[in-house]
């Protein structure tokens, strides 16, 4: 089974592709919906002149043509609606965790990345890939050809979430590498210093990038289904701690909700998107709901 077949099952492709058939859904819905209006912020290229008619915006009149011909013409433009996307994939070892779900957090992230890549490439929007733990491990340039999806998924299939966390520093490094305005899609459990991570996300937004943060946690990390004495393993340091589940459940869930709320409110404030997910959610259903939500908002 190829990587593309593994992560984009036929029934998933069918569901995702339906969106792609809806009135240029990506161009005028999800991707350009990241802006305050369709095409806002995109460059345009000159297409042709046509005669001015009542109701046309006077700002579009070509006064140089008027000076030569004594007739009013307006410039017509063709919007360049393609947007370049980058998948930013967290390879820290905490992404390898699963308690009772079939997919680890990393597998779940690959499924989401595959679906989004399929959408973008099918619309001829270039998409690239960067993987990192405490260092930038791999980088594929943004391309829009169909075979590129297989290249990206093959690289992800060879990748292993085994490193330590360097989330903020790598977001800053990526921001310095990619100068042109792009759509940054981050797939991470965000198990790193939230102050530093938020600062790095702010930096990406300040540089003009659109940002979607897919915050992926394991179902057990969200529901805390444990009882009795539990041996908790800190994935980065590999430290163990024996705790009483009942005694810490309330405090743990409060801290989790506080973290999610902070990311959500901060992202909303700076104009980024925050999507809280856990591995019990069918990934294609979660993505479809999010895309419909984006479409409804714009």
C-alpha atoms as a PDB file:
ATOM      1  CA  UNK A   1       0.000   0.000   0.000  1.00  0.00           C
ATOM      2  CA  UNK A   2       1.450   3.349  -0.996  1.00  0.00           C
ATOM      3  CA  UNK A   3       1.528   6.242   1.427  1.00  0.00           C
ATOM      4  CA  UNK A   4      -1.143   8.062  -0.548  1.00  0.00           C
ATOM      5  CA  UNK A   5      -3.472   5.057  -0.382  1.00  0.00           C
ATOM      6  CA  UNK A   6      -2.784   4.630   3.320  1.00  0.00           C
ATOM      7  CA  UNK A   7      -3.629   8.183   4.310  1.00  0.00           C
ATOM      8  CA  UNK A   8      -6.192   9.079   1.649  1.00  0.00           C
ATOM      9  CA  UNK A   9      -8.593   6.168   1.547  1.00  0.00           C
ATOM     10  CA  UNK A  10     -11.054   6.169  -1.375  1.00  0.00           C
ATOM     11  CA  UNK A  11     -14.052   7.015   0.792  1.00  0.00           C
ATOM     12  CA  UNK A  12     -12.165   9.928   2.297  1.00  0.00           C
ATOM     13  CA  UNK A  13     -11.115  11.245  -1.113  1.00  0.00           C
ATOM     14  CA  UNK A  14     -14.730  10.995  -2.231  1.00  0.00           C
ATOM     15  CA  UNK A  15     -15.986  13.031   0.725  1.00  0.00           C
ATOM     16  CA  UNK A  16     -13.252  15.648   0.416  1.00  0.00           C
ATOM     17  CA  UNK A  17     -13.637  15.914  -3.360  1.00  0.00           C
ATOM     18  CA  UNK A  18     -17.316  16.798  -3.030  1.00  0.00           C
ATOM     19  CA  UNK A  19     -16.305  20.072  -1.443  1.00  0.00           C
ATOM     20  CA  UNK A  20     -13.913  20.748  -4.263  1.00  0.00           C
ATOM     21  CA  UNK A  21     -16.806  20.668  -6.729  1.00  0.00           C
ATOM     22  CA  UNK A  22     -18.797  23.364  -4.945  1.00  0.00           C
ATOM     23  CA  UNK A  23     -18.451  26.614  -6.919  1.00  0.00           C
ATOM     24  CA  UNK A  24     -14.684  26.908  -6.667  1.00  0.00           C
ATOM     25  CA  UNK A  25     -15.011  26.174  -2.963  1.00  0.00           C
ATOM     26  CA  UNK A  26     -11.333  26.509  -2.191  1.00  0.00           C
ATOM     27  CA  UNK A  27     -10.733  29.686  -4.155  1.00  0.00           C
ATOM     28  CA  UNK A  28     -13.772  31.595  -2.953  1.00  0.00           C
ATOM     29  CA  UNK A  29     -14.513  29.711   0.257  1.00  0.00           C
ATOM     30  CA  UNK A  30     -11.991  28.068   2.513  1.00  0.00           C
ATOM     31  CA  UNK A  31      -8.609  29.386   1.425  1.00  0.00           C
ATOM     32  CA  UNK A  32      -9.507  32.893   0.316  1.00  0.00           C
ATOM     33  CA  UNK A  33     -12.003  32.944   3.162  1.00  0.00           C
ATOM     34  CA  UNK A  34      -8.966  33.347   5.357  1.00  0.00           C
ATOM     35  CA  UNK A  35      -9.091  36.995   4.299  1.00  0.00           C
ATOM     36  CA  UNK A  36     -11.768  39.532   5.159  1.00  0.00           C
ATOM     37  CA  UNK A  37     -13.210  39.226   1.666  1.00  0.00           C
ATOM     38  CA  UNK A  38     -12.599  37.013  -1.343  1.00  0.00           C
ATOM     39  CA  UNK A  39      -9.433  38.034  -3.158  1.00  0.00           C
ATOM     40  CA  UNK A  40      -8.534  40.637  -0.503  1.00  0.00           C
ATOM     41  CA  UNK A  41      -4.782  40.828  -0.242  1.00  0.00           C
ATOM     42  CA  UNK A  42      -4.140  38.925  -3.424  1.00  0.00           C
ATOM     43  CA  UNK A  43      -2.253  40.589  -6.227  1.00  0.00           C
ATOM     44  CA  UNK A  44      -3.964  41.111  -9.573  1.00  0.00           C
ATOM     45  CA  UNK A  45      -2.747  41.259 -13.127  1.00  0.00           C
ATOM     46  CA  UNK A  46      -4.090  43.457 -15.920  1.00  0.00           C
ATOM     47  CA  UNK A  47      -6.513  41.695 -18.225  1.00  0.00           C
ATOM     48  CA  UNK A  48      -8.135  44.153 -20.679  1.00  0.00           C
ATOM     49  CA  UNK A  49      -9.956  47.460 -21.131  1.00  0.00           C
ATOM     50  CA  UNK A  50     -13.661  47.909 -21.649  1.00  0.00           C
ATOM     51  CA  UNK A  51     -15.886  50.947 -22.091  1.00  0.00           C
ATOM     52  CA  UNK A  52     -17.024  52.659 -18.915  1.00  0.00           C
ATOM     53  CA  UNK A  53     -20.704  52.175 -18.110  1.00  0.00           C
ATOM     54  CA  UNK A  54     -22.999  53.492 -15.418  1.00  0.00           C
ATOM     55  CA  UNK A  55     -22.375  51.770 -12.103  1.00  0.00           C
ATOM     56  CA  UNK A  56     -18.678  51.090 -12.705  1.00  0.00           C
ATOM     57  CA  UNK A  57     -16.281  52.265 -10.018  1.00  0.00           C
ATOM     58  CA  UNK A  58     -14.664  55.560 -11.171  1.00  0.00           C
ATOM     59  CA  UNK A  59     -11.457  54.424  -9.458  1.00  0.00           C
ATOM     60  CA  UNK A  60     -11.044  51.837 -12.230  1.00  0.00           C
ATOM     61  CA  UNK A  61     -11.025  54.448 -15.020  1.00  0.00           C
ATOM     62  CA  UNK A  62      -7.792  54.510 -17.009  1.00  0.00           C
ATOM     63  CA  UNK A  63      -7.132  58.242 -17.197  1.00  0.00           C
ATOM     64  CA  UNK A  64      -4.152  57.803 -19.488  1.00  0.00           C
ATOM     65  CA  UNK A  65      -6.403  56.196 -22.090  1.00  0.00           C
ATOM     66  CA  UNK A  66      -8.924  58.991 -21.577  1.00  0.00           C
ATOM     67  CA  UNK A  67      -6.232  61.613 -22.218  1.00  0.00           C
ATOM     68  CA  UNK A  68      -5.367  59.946 -25.524  1.00  0.00           C
ATOM     69  CA  UNK A  69      -8.854  59.054 -26.756  1.00  0.00           C
ATOM     70  CA  UNK A  70     -11.230  61.375 -24.883  1.00  0.00           C
ATOM     71  CA  UNK A  71     -13.244  58.257 -24.021  1.00  0.00           C
ATOM     72  CA  UNK A  72     -13.747  56.555 -20.663  1.00  0.00           C
ATOM     73  CA  UNK A  73     -12.400  53.044 -20.326  1.00  0.00           C
ATOM     74  CA  UNK A  74     -11.929  50.989 -17.197  1.00  0.00           C
ATOM     75  CA  UNK A  75      -9.203  48.477 -16.506  1.00  0.00           C
ATOM     76  CA  UNK A  76     -10.282  44.908 -15.983  1.00  0.00           C
ATOM     77  CA  UNK A  77      -8.155  42.706 -13.799  1.00  0.00           C
ATOM     78  CA  UNK A  78      -7.867  38.996 -13.258  1.00  0.00           C
ATOM     79  CA  UNK A  79      -7.378  38.116  -9.622  1.00  0.00           C
ATOM     80  CA  UNK A  80      -4.505  35.804  -8.877  1.00  0.00           C
ATOM     81  CA  UNK A  81      -6.314  33.554  -6.445  1.00  0.00           C
ATOM     82  CA  UNK A  82      -3.641  30.908  -5.954  1.00  0.00           C
ATOM     83  CA  UNK A  83      -2.234  30.776  -2.482  1.00  0.00           C
ATOM     84  CA  UNK A  84       0.851  28.856  -1.428  1.00  0.00           C
ATOM     85  CA  UNK A  85       0.453  26.546   1.548  1.00  0.00           C
ATOM     86  CA  UNK A  86       2.967  24.896   3.842  1.00  0.00           C
ATOM     87  CA  UNK A  87       2.337  21.911   6.089  1.00  0.00           C
ATOM     88  CA  UNK A  88       4.331  22.365   9.303  1.00  0.00           C
ATOM     89  CA  UNK A  89       4.580  18.970  10.977  1.00  0.00           C
ATOM     90  CA  UNK A  90       5.672  18.485  14.592  1.00  0.00           C
ATOM     91  CA  UNK A  91       7.946  15.434  14.979  1.00  0.00           C
ATOM     92  CA  UNK A  92       8.440  15.681  18.736  1.00  0.00           C
ATOM     93  CA  UNK A  93       8.134  12.301  20.447  1.00  0.00           C
ATOM     94  CA  UNK A  94       4.922  13.245  22.250  1.00  0.00           C
ATOM     95  CA  UNK A  95       3.187  13.076  18.831  1.00  0.00           C
ATOM     96  CA  UNK A  96       3.750   9.289  18.845  1.00  0.00           C
ATOM     97  CA  UNK A  97       1.365   8.786  21.768  1.00  0.00           C
ATOM     98  CA  UNK A  98      -1.888   6.886  21.645  1.00  0.00           C
ATOM     99  CA  UNK A  99      -3.780   5.345  24.548  1.00  0.00           C
ATOM    100  CA  UNK A 100      -6.509   3.281  22.913  1.00  0.00           C
ATOM    101  CA  UNK A 101      -7.056   4.855  19.493  1.00  0.00           C
ATOM    102  CA  UNK A 102      -5.812   3.223  16.290  1.00  0.00           C
ATOM    103  CA  UNK A 103      -4.058   6.396  15.163  1.00  0.00           C
ATOM    104  CA  UNK A 104      -1.318   8.152  17.060  1.00  0.00           C
ATOM    105  CA  UNK A 105      -1.408  11.934  17.122  1.00  0.00           C
ATOM    106  CA  UNK A 106       1.180  11.901  14.336  1.00  0.00           C
ATOM    107  CA  UNK A 107      -0.874   9.501  12.186  1.00  0.00           C
ATOM    108  CA  UNK A 108      -3.919  11.675  12.744  1.00  0.00           C
ATOM    109  CA  UNK A 109      -1.931  14.753  11.692  1.00  0.00           C
ATOM    110  CA  UNK A 110      -0.822  13.005   8.499  1.00  0.00           C
ATOM    111  CA  UNK A 111      -4.433  12.202   7.633  1.00  0.00           C
ATOM    112  CA  UNK A 112      -5.415  15.848   8.049  1.00  0.00           C
ATOM    113  CA  UNK A 113      -2.392  17.012   6.088  1.00  0.00           C
ATOM    114  CA  UNK A 114      -3.194  14.558   3.288  1.00  0.00           C
ATOM    115  CA  UNK A 115      -6.771  15.810   2.990  1.00  0.00           C
ATOM    116  CA  UNK A 116      -5.756  19.477   2.965  1.00  0.00           C
ATOM    117  CA  UNK A 117      -2.974  18.805   0.470  1.00  0.00           C
ATOM    118  CA  UNK A 118      -5.419  16.983  -1.764  1.00  0.00           C
ATOM    119  CA  UNK A 119      -7.753  19.967  -1.674  1.00  0.00           C
ATOM    120  CA  UNK A 120      -5.016  22.473  -2.482  1.00  0.00           C
ATOM    121  CA  UNK A 121      -3.278  20.489  -5.213  1.00  0.00           C
ATOM    122  CA  UNK A 122      -6.583  19.573  -6.850  1.00  0.00           C
ATOM    123  CA  UNK A 123      -7.223  23.318  -7.086  1.00  0.00           C
ATOM    124  CA  UNK A 124      -3.678  23.809  -8.459  1.00  0.00           C
ATOM    125  CA  UNK A 125      -2.564  25.651  -5.339  1.00  0.00           C
ATOM    126  CA  UNK A 126       1.075  24.844  -4.508  1.00  0.00           C
ATOM    127  CA  UNK A 127       1.743  23.251  -1.145  1.00  0.00           C
ATOM    128  CA  UNK A 128       5.016  22.404   0.590  1.00  0.00           C
ATOM    129  CA  UNK A 129       6.058  20.481   3.675  1.00  0.00           C
ATOM    130  CA  UNK A 130       8.415  21.097   6.579  1.00  0.00           C
ATOM    131  CA  UNK A 131       9.020  18.650   9.428  1.00  0.00           C
ATOM    132  CA  UNK A 132      10.773  19.464  12.669  1.00  0.00           C
ATOM    133  CA  UNK A 133      11.443  18.438  16.244  1.00  0.00           C
ATOM    134  CA  UNK A 134      14.165  20.417  17.978  1.00  0.00           C
ATOM    135  CA  UNK A 135      15.618  20.986  14.500  1.00  0.00           C
ATOM    136  CA  UNK A 136      14.251  21.407  11.008  1.00  0.00           C
ATOM    137  CA  UNK A 137      14.432  17.848   9.696  1.00  0.00           C
ATOM    138  CA  UNK A 138      13.084  17.981   6.140  1.00  0.00           C
ATOM    139  CA  UNK A 139      11.689  20.453   3.660  1.00  0.00           C
ATOM    140  CA  UNK A 140       9.854  20.005   0.371  1.00  0.00           C
ATOM    141  CA  UNK A 141       9.235  23.105  -1.765  1.00  0.00           C
ATOM    142  CA  UNK A 142       5.678  24.108  -2.578  1.00  0.00           C
ATOM    143  CA  UNK A 143       4.421  22.550  -5.806  1.00  0.00           C
ATOM    144  CA  UNK A 144       0.993  21.987  -7.299  1.00  0.00           C
ATOM    145  CA  UNK A 145       1.506  18.934  -9.487  1.00  0.00           C
ATOM    146  CA  UNK A 146      -0.538  15.863  -8.598  1.00  0.00           C
ATOM    147  CA  UNK A 147       2.497  13.649  -7.960  1.00  0.00           C
ATOM    148  CA  UNK A 148       3.686  16.074  -5.277  1.00  0.00           C
ATOM    149  CA  UNK A 149       1.059  14.771  -2.849  1.00  0.00           C
ATOM    150  CA  UNK A 150       2.638  11.318  -3.046  1.00  0.00           C
ATOM    151  CA  UNK A 151       6.081  12.830  -2.514  1.00  0.00           C
ATOM    152  CA  UNK A 152       4.945  14.605   0.649  1.00  0.00           C
ATOM    153  CA  UNK A 153       3.162  11.594   2.074  1.00  0.00           C
ATOM    154  CA  UNK A 154       6.149   9.368   1.296  1.00  0.00           C
ATOM    155  CA  UNK A 155       8.358  11.750   3.277  1.00  0.00           C
ATOM    156  CA  UNK A 156       5.907  11.777   6.188  1.00  0.00           C
ATOM    157  CA  UNK A 157       5.712   7.997   6.110  1.00  0.00           C
ATOM    158  CA  UNK A 158       9.498   7.838   6.518  1.00  0.00           C
ATOM    159  CA  UNK A 159       9.439  10.398   9.334  1.00  0.00           C
ATOM    160  CA  UNK A 160       9.242   9.357  12.975  1.00  0.00           C
ATOM    161  CA  UNK A 161       8.095  11.505  15.903  1.00  0.00           C
ATOM    162  CA  UNK A 162      11.057  10.738  18.127  1.00  0.00           C
ATOM    163  CA  UNK A 163      12.755  14.083  18.782  1.00  0.00           C
ATOM    164  CA  UNK A 164      12.553  16.670  21.514  1.00  0.00           C
ATOM    165  CA  UNK A 165      10.438  19.787  21.178  1.00  0.00           C
ATOM    166  CA  UNK A 166      11.624  22.950  19.480  1.00  0.00           C
ATOM    167  CA  UNK A 167       8.270  24.270  18.314  1.00  0.00           C
ATOM    168  CA  UNK A 168       8.703  28.023  18.734  1.00  0.00           C
ATOM    169  CA  UNK A 169      12.259  28.206  17.450  1.00  0.00           C
ATOM    170  CA  UNK A 170      11.349  26.257  14.326  1.00  0.00           C
ATOM    171  CA  UNK A 171       8.280  28.384  13.604  1.00  0.00           C
ATOM    172  CA  UNK A 172      10.573  31.403  13.753  1.00  0.00           C
ATOM    173  CA  UNK A 173      13.125  29.675  11.521  1.00  0.00           C
ATOM    174  CA  UNK A 174      10.431  28.793   8.981  1.00  0.00           C
ATOM    175  CA  UNK A 175       9.108  32.347   9.073  1.00  0.00           C
ATOM    176  CA  UNK A 176      12.587  33.623   8.234  1.00  0.00           C
ATOM    177  CA  UNK A 177      12.922  31.131   5.364  1.00  0.00           C
ATOM    178  CA  UNK A 178       9.568  31.830   3.682  1.00  0.00           C
ATOM    179  CA  UNK A 179       9.342  35.494   2.795  1.00  0.00           C
ATOM    180  CA  UNK A 180       6.326  35.470   0.464  1.00  0.00           C
ATOM    181  CA  UNK A 181       2.858  35.485   1.965  1.00  0.00           C
ATOM    182  CA  UNK A 182       1.698  31.909   2.496  1.00  0.00           C
ATOM    183  CA  UNK A 183      -0.798  29.774   4.348  1.00  0.00           C
ATOM    184  CA  UNK A 184       0.953  28.100   7.283  1.00  0.00           C
ATOM    185  CA  UNK A 185      -0.834  24.961   8.504  1.00  0.00           C
ATOM    186  CA  UNK A 186       0.639  23.793  11.816  1.00  0.00           C
ATOM    187  CA  UNK A 187      -0.036  20.239  13.038  1.00  0.00           C
ATOM    188  CA  UNK A 188       1.071  19.825  16.655  1.00  0.00           C
ATOM    189  CA  UNK A 189      -0.014  18.807  20.136  1.00  0.00           C
ATOM    190  CA  UNK A 190       1.457  22.144  21.310  1.00  0.00           C
ATOM    191  CA  UNK A 191       3.141  20.453  24.269  1.00  0.00           C
ATOM    192  CA  UNK A 192       5.701  23.221  24.580  1.00  0.00           C
ATOM    193  CA  UNK A 193       6.005  26.570  26.309  1.00  0.00           C
ATOM    194  CA  UNK A 194       2.766  28.358  25.320  1.00  0.00           C
ATOM    195  CA  UNK A 195       4.288  31.822  25.755  1.00  0.00           C
ATOM    196  CA  UNK A 196       7.043  31.064  23.253  1.00  0.00           C
ATOM    197  CA  UNK A 197       4.684  29.251  20.882  1.00  0.00           C
ATOM    198  CA  UNK A 198       2.170  32.101  20.855  1.00  0.00           C
ATOM    199  CA  UNK A 199       4.975  34.597  20.288  1.00  0.00           C
ATOM    200  CA  UNK A 200       6.134  32.600  17.260  1.00  0.00           C
ATOM    201  CA  UNK A 201       2.602  32.393  15.847  1.00  0.00           C
ATOM    202  CA  UNK A 202       2.284  36.168  16.289  1.00  0.00           C
ATOM    203  CA  UNK A 203       5.532  36.581  14.364  1.00  0.00           C
ATOM    204  CA  UNK A 204       4.141  34.548  11.447  1.00  0.00           C
ATOM    205  CA  UNK A 205       0.996  36.663  11.376  1.00  0.00           C
ATOM    206  CA  UNK A 206       3.004  39.889  11.610  1.00  0.00           C
ATOM    207  CA  UNK A 207       4.980  38.732   8.565  1.00  0.00           C
ATOM    208  CA  UNK A 208       1.720  38.530   6.623  1.00  0.00           C
ATOM    209  CA  UNK A 209       1.198  34.784   6.669  1.00  0.00           C
ATOM    210  CA  UNK A 210      -2.187  33.193   7.213  1.00  0.00           C
ATOM    211  CA  UNK A 211      -2.012  30.628  10.000  1.00  0.00           C
ATOM    212  CA  UNK A 212      -4.142  27.619  10.898  1.00  0.00           C
ATOM    213  CA  UNK A 213      -3.197  25.828  14.112  1.00  0.00           C
ATOM    214  CA  UNK A 214      -4.465  22.250  14.220  1.00  0.00           C
ATOM    215  CA  UNK A 215      -4.099  21.399  17.910  1.00  0.00           C
ATOM    216  CA  UNK A 216      -4.104  17.597  17.967  1.00  0.00           C
ATOM    217  CA  UNK A 217      -4.360  15.744  21.258  1.00  0.00           C
ATOM    218  CA  UNK A 218      -4.970  12.104  22.012  1.00  0.00           C
ATOM    219  CA  UNK A 219      -8.471  11.224  23.135  1.00  0.00           C
ATOM    220  CA  UNK A 220      -7.098  10.199  26.543  1.00  0.00           C
ATOM    221  CA  UNK A 221      -5.327  13.538  26.938  1.00  0.00           C
ATOM    222  CA  UNK A 222      -8.681  15.262  26.510  1.00  0.00           C
ATOM    223  CA  UNK A 223     -10.958  12.959  28.529  1.00  0.00           C
ATOM    224  CA  UNK A 224      -8.476  11.636  31.151  1.00  0.00           C
ATOM    225  CA  UNK A 225     -10.178   8.202  31.405  1.00  0.00           C
ATOM    226  CA  UNK A 226      -7.782   6.866  34.026  1.00  0.00           C
ATOM    227  CA  UNK A 227      -8.523   5.543  37.507  1.00  0.00           C
ATOM    228  CA  UNK A 228      -6.498   4.419  40.495  1.00  0.00           C
ATOM    229  CA  UNK A 229      -2.738   4.897  40.514  1.00  0.00           C
ATOM    230  CA  UNK A 230      -1.417   6.017  37.158  1.00  0.00           C
ATOM    231  CA  UNK A 231       2.176   6.067  35.963  1.00  0.00           C
ATOM    232  CA  UNK A 232       2.468   9.296  33.960  1.00  0.00           C
ATOM    233  CA  UNK A 233       5.363   9.589  31.519  1.00  0.00           C
ATOM    234  CA  UNK A 234       6.652  12.987  30.468  1.00  0.00           C
ATOM    235  CA  UNK A 235       7.365  12.345  26.761  1.00  0.00           C
ATOM    236  CA  UNK A 236      10.248  14.780  26.369  1.00  0.00           C
ATOM    237  CA  UNK A 237      12.239  14.118  29.547  1.00  0.00           C
ATOM    238  CA  UNK A 238      11.024  10.502  29.907  1.00  0.00           C
ATOM    239  CA  UNK A 239      10.434  11.178  33.622  1.00  0.00           C
ATOM    240  CA  UNK A 240       7.853   9.016  35.403  1.00  0.00           C
ATOM    241  CA  UNK A 241       5.446  10.108  38.116  1.00  0.00           C
ATOM    242  CA  UNK A 242       2.944   7.947  39.985  1.00  0.00           C
ATOM    243  CA  UNK A 243      -0.276   9.879  40.687  1.00  0.00           C
ATOM    244  CA  UNK A 244      -3.788   9.194  41.934  1.00  0.00           C
ATOM    245  CA  UNK A 245      -6.035   9.770  38.918  1.00  0.00           C
ATOM    246  CA  UNK A 246      -9.102  10.813  40.910  1.00  0.00           C
ATOM    247  CA  UNK A 247      -7.100  13.363  42.884  1.00  0.00           C
ATOM    248  CA  UNK A 248      -5.713  15.190  39.868  1.00  0.00           C
ATOM    249  CA  UNK A 249      -8.490  14.734  37.268  1.00  0.00           C
ATOM    250  CA  UNK A 250     -10.273  18.010  37.956  1.00  0.00           C
ATOM    251  CA  UNK A 251      -7.071  20.037  38.126  1.00  0.00           C
ATOM    252  CA  UNK A 252      -5.753  18.420  34.944  1.00  0.00           C
ATOM    253  CA  UNK A 253      -8.933  19.044  32.953  1.00  0.00           C
ATOM    254  CA  UNK A 254      -9.075  22.655  34.151  1.00  0.00           C
ATOM    255  CA  UNK A 255      -5.489  23.201  33.019  1.00  0.00           C
ATOM    256  CA  UNK A 256      -6.213  21.604  29.646  1.00  0.00           C
ATOM    257  CA  UNK A 257      -9.294  23.757  29.070  1.00  0.00           C
ATOM    258  CA  UNK A 258      -7.348  26.840  30.115  1.00  0.00           C
ATOM    259  CA  UNK A 259      -4.609  26.046  27.587  1.00  0.00           C
ATOM    260  CA  UNK A 260      -7.085  25.454  24.757  1.00  0.00           C
ATOM    261  CA  UNK A 261      -9.001  28.607  25.601  1.00  0.00           C
ATOM    262  CA  UNK A 262      -5.826  30.674  25.654  1.00  0.00           C
ATOM    263  CA  UNK A 263      -4.778  29.445  22.220  1.00  0.00           C
ATOM    264  CA  UNK A 264      -8.263  29.939  20.813  1.00  0.00           C
ATOM    265  CA  UNK A 265      -8.644  33.490  22.126  1.00  0.00           C
ATOM    266  CA  UNK A 266      -5.112  34.512  21.143  1.00  0.00           C
ATOM    267  CA  UNK A 267      -5.495  33.146  17.632  1.00  0.00           C
ATOM    268  CA  UNK A 268      -8.839  34.897  17.243  1.00  0.00           C
ATOM    269  CA  UNK A 269      -7.281  38.171  18.397  1.00  0.00           C
ATOM    270  CA  UNK A 270      -4.389  38.037  15.929  1.00  0.00           C
ATOM    271  CA  UNK A 271      -6.428  36.732  12.995  1.00  0.00           C
ATOM    272  CA  UNK A 272      -5.205  33.137  12.999  1.00  0.00           C
ATOM    273  CA  UNK A 273      -7.393  30.024  13.057  1.00  0.00           C
ATOM    274  CA  UNK A 274      -7.304  27.560  15.935  1.00  0.00           C
ATOM    275  CA  UNK A 275      -8.806  24.088  15.554  1.00  0.00           C
ATOM    276  CA  UNK A 276      -8.941  21.891  18.669  1.00  0.00           C
ATOM    277  CA  UNK A 277      -9.034  18.199  17.749  1.00  0.00           C
ATOM    278  CA  UNK A 278      -8.588  14.854  19.420  1.00  0.00           C
ATOM    279  CA  UNK A 279      -7.904  11.456  17.919  1.00  0.00           C
ATOM    280  CA  UNK A 280     -11.356  10.063  18.716  1.00  0.00           C
ATOM    281  CA  UNK A 281     -12.840  12.394  16.099  1.00  0.00           C
ATOM    282  CA  UNK A 282     -13.016  10.866  12.598  1.00  0.00           C
ATOM    283  CA  UNK A 283     -10.430  13.056  10.914  1.00  0.00           C
ATOM    284  CA  UNK A 284     -12.336  13.474   7.666  1.00  0.00           C
ATOM    285  CA  UNK A 285     -15.508  14.433   9.560  1.00  0.00           C
ATOM    286  CA  UNK A 286     -13.556  16.925  11.660  1.00  0.00           C
ATOM    287  CA  UNK A 287     -12.044  18.488   8.550  1.00  0.00           C
ATOM    288  CA  UNK A 288     -15.334  18.660   6.701  1.00  0.00           C
ATOM    289  CA  UNK A 289     -17.013  20.361   9.647  1.00  0.00           C
ATOM    290  CA  UNK A 290     -14.199  22.864   9.860  1.00  0.00           C
ATOM    291  CA  UNK A 291     -14.328  23.637   6.140  1.00  0.00           C
ATOM    292  CA  UNK A 292     -18.090  24.140   6.268  1.00  0.00           C
ATOM    293  CA  UNK A 293     -17.609  26.377   9.299  1.00  0.00           C
ATOM    294  CA  UNK A 294     -15.075  28.483   7.361  1.00  0.00           C
ATOM    295  CA  UNK A 295     -17.423  28.680   4.398  1.00  0.00           C
ATOM    296  CA  UNK A 296     -20.302  29.830   6.597  1.00  0.00           C
ATOM    297  CA  UNK A 297     -18.224  32.541   8.244  1.00  0.00           C
ATOM    298  CA  UNK A 298     -17.153  34.206   4.996  1.00  0.00           C
END
